[in-house]
């Protein structure tokens, strides 16, 4: 994959000014190994840590370029829901539905998946 064909990495600028990769962890690591100094990024602002985890989970479920294992996805969703282990199967099923995610997460996922399908 070249820089021209690599999908943008999605990062959140947190309230303290730090950047957190929401989607593109594997691509960022590969680019670093290749010695690339810059990448195309989409920067969103103000998501909570829970919203970052939810967005990461849903983006990796929705996109075809994901290399995530089911274990990695489960670890991500557990980060979004600290009470995951005590939740019933029905509560877990509801929690992972995109339509039940906060608007900030839904709109980000919809925007990114629309961009991927239109290019």
Protein backbone atom coordinates (compact mmCIF):
# COMPACT_ATOMS: atom_id res chain seq x y z
CA UNK A 1 0.00 0.00 0.00
CA UNK A 2 1.28 3.44 -0.86
CA UNK A 3 0.56 6.76 0.84
CA UNK A 4 -1.78 7.60 -2.04
CA UNK A 5 -3.91 4.50 -1.55
CA UNK A 6 -3.81 4.29 2.24
CA UNK A 7 -7.08 5.39 3.85
CA UNK A 8 -6.78 8.34 6.22
CA UNK A 9 -6.06 7.66 9.86
CA UNK A 10 -8.70 9.01 12.22
CA UNK A 11 -7.54 10.75 15.37
CA UNK A 12 -9.26 12.54 18.22
CA UNK A 13 -7.81 15.73 19.65
CA UNK A 14 -8.56 15.38 23.34
CA UNK A 15 -9.31 18.30 25.62
CA UNK A 16 -5.70 18.30 26.87
CA UNK A 17 -4.46 18.69 23.26
CA UNK A 18 -3.09 15.16 22.87
CA UNK A 19 -4.01 13.11 19.82
CA UNK A 20 -5.42 9.59 20.12
CA UNK A 21 -5.67 7.26 17.11
CA UNK A 22 -9.25 6.04 16.80
CA UNK A 23 -8.86 4.16 13.52
CA UNK A 24 -5.63 3.29 11.78
CA UNK A 25 -3.42 1.85 14.52
CA UNK A 26 -2.08 -0.90 12.24
CA UNK A 27 -1.55 1.52 9.33
CA UNK A 28 0.25 4.00 11.58
CA UNK A 29 2.57 1.26 12.86
CA UNK A 30 3.31 0.08 9.31
CA UNK A 31 4.00 3.64 8.15
CA UNK A 32 6.39 4.13 11.04
CA UNK A 33 8.27 0.95 10.09
CA UNK A 34 8.51 2.23 6.51
CA UNK A 35 9.98 5.50 7.78
CA UNK A 36 7.10 7.67 6.64
CA UNK A 37 7.05 10.97 8.50
CA UNK A 38 3.54 12.07 7.55
CA UNK A 39 0.14 10.46 7.00
CA UNK A 40 -3.23 11.74 5.91
CA UNK A 41 -5.45 12.12 8.96
CA UNK A 42 -8.99 13.08 9.75
CA UNK A 43 -8.98 14.94 13.05
CA UNK A 44 -12.07 15.06 15.22
CA UNK A 45 -12.22 16.88 18.53
CA UNK A 46 -13.63 16.35 21.95
CA UNK A 47 -14.62 12.69 22.01
CA UNK A 48 -14.47 11.03 25.40
CA UNK A 49 -12.29 7.95 25.89
CA UNK A 50 -15.49 5.85 25.82
CA UNK A 51 -16.55 7.46 22.52
CA UNK A 52 -13.08 6.82 21.08
CA UNK A 53 -13.38 3.13 21.97
CA UNK A 54 -16.89 2.90 20.52
CA UNK A 55 -15.83 4.65 17.31
CA UNK A 56 -12.81 2.37 17.00
CA UNK A 57 -15.00 -0.69 17.46
CA UNK A 58 -17.64 0.40 14.95
CA UNK A 59 -15.17 1.63 12.34
CA UNK A 60 -13.30 -1.65 12.44
CA UNK A 61 -16.55 -3.60 12.15
CA UNK A 62 -17.77 -1.44 9.25
CA UNK A 63 -14.67 -1.25 7.06
CA UNK A 64 -13.27 -3.92 4.82
CA UNK A 65 -9.61 -3.05 5.43
CA UNK A 66 -9.64 -4.10 9.07
CA UNK A 67 -7.03 -6.54 10.25
CA UNK A 68 -8.48 -6.80 13.73
CA UNK A 69 -9.17 -10.10 15.40
CA UNK A 70 -12.34 -10.76 17.36
CA UNK A 71 -10.20 -10.61 20.53
CA UNK A 72 -8.96 -7.12 19.66
CA UNK A 73 -12.51 -5.96 18.93
CA UNK A 74 -13.74 -7.38 22.23
CA UNK A 75 -10.90 -5.66 24.10
CA UNK A 76 -11.93 -2.39 22.46
CA UNK A 77 -15.59 -2.74 23.35
CA UNK A 78 -14.64 -3.64 26.92
CA UNK A 79 -12.74 -0.32 27.08
CA UNK A 80 -15.97 1.44 26.15
CA UNK A 81 -18.02 -0.45 28.71
CA UNK A 82 -16.18 -1.07 32.00
CA UNK A 83 -19.20 -3.09 33.20
CA UNK A 84 -19.07 -5.40 30.13
CA UNK A 85 -18.37 -8.55 32.16
CA UNK A 86 -21.43 -7.98 34.36
CA UNK A 87 -23.76 -7.15 31.45
CA UNK A 88 -26.30 -9.70 30.23
CA UNK A 89 -26.10 -11.03 26.67
CA UNK A 90 -29.10 -8.86 25.79
CA UNK A 91 -27.42 -5.74 27.23
CA UNK A 92 -24.21 -6.53 25.33
CA UNK A 93 -26.11 -7.02 22.07
CA UNK A 94 -27.81 -3.65 22.53
CA UNK A 95 -24.56 -1.94 23.52
CA UNK A 96 -22.73 -2.88 20.32
CA UNK A 97 -25.45 -1.71 17.93
CA UNK A 98 -24.32 1.41 16.10
CA UNK A 99 -27.79 2.94 16.36
CA UNK A 100 -27.40 2.88 20.17
CA UNK A 101 -24.05 4.68 20.11
CA UNK A 102 -23.84 8.40 20.95
CA UNK A 103 -24.55 10.74 18.03
CA UNK A 104 -20.87 11.79 17.87
CA UNK A 105 -19.86 8.17 17.23
CA UNK A 106 -22.67 7.41 14.77
CA UNK A 107 -22.00 10.52 12.69
CA UNK A 108 -18.24 9.85 12.56
CA UNK A 109 -18.72 6.21 11.51
CA UNK A 110 -21.31 7.18 8.90
CA UNK A 111 -19.07 9.94 7.50
CA UNK A 112 -16.02 7.66 7.22
CA UNK A 113 -17.91 4.75 5.67
CA UNK A 114 -19.57 7.13 3.19
CA UNK A 115 -16.16 8.51 2.22
CA UNK A 116 -14.78 5.00 1.70
CA UNK A 117 -17.67 3.93 -0.50
CA UNK A 118 -17.56 7.09 -2.61
CA UNK A 119 -13.84 6.83 -3.41
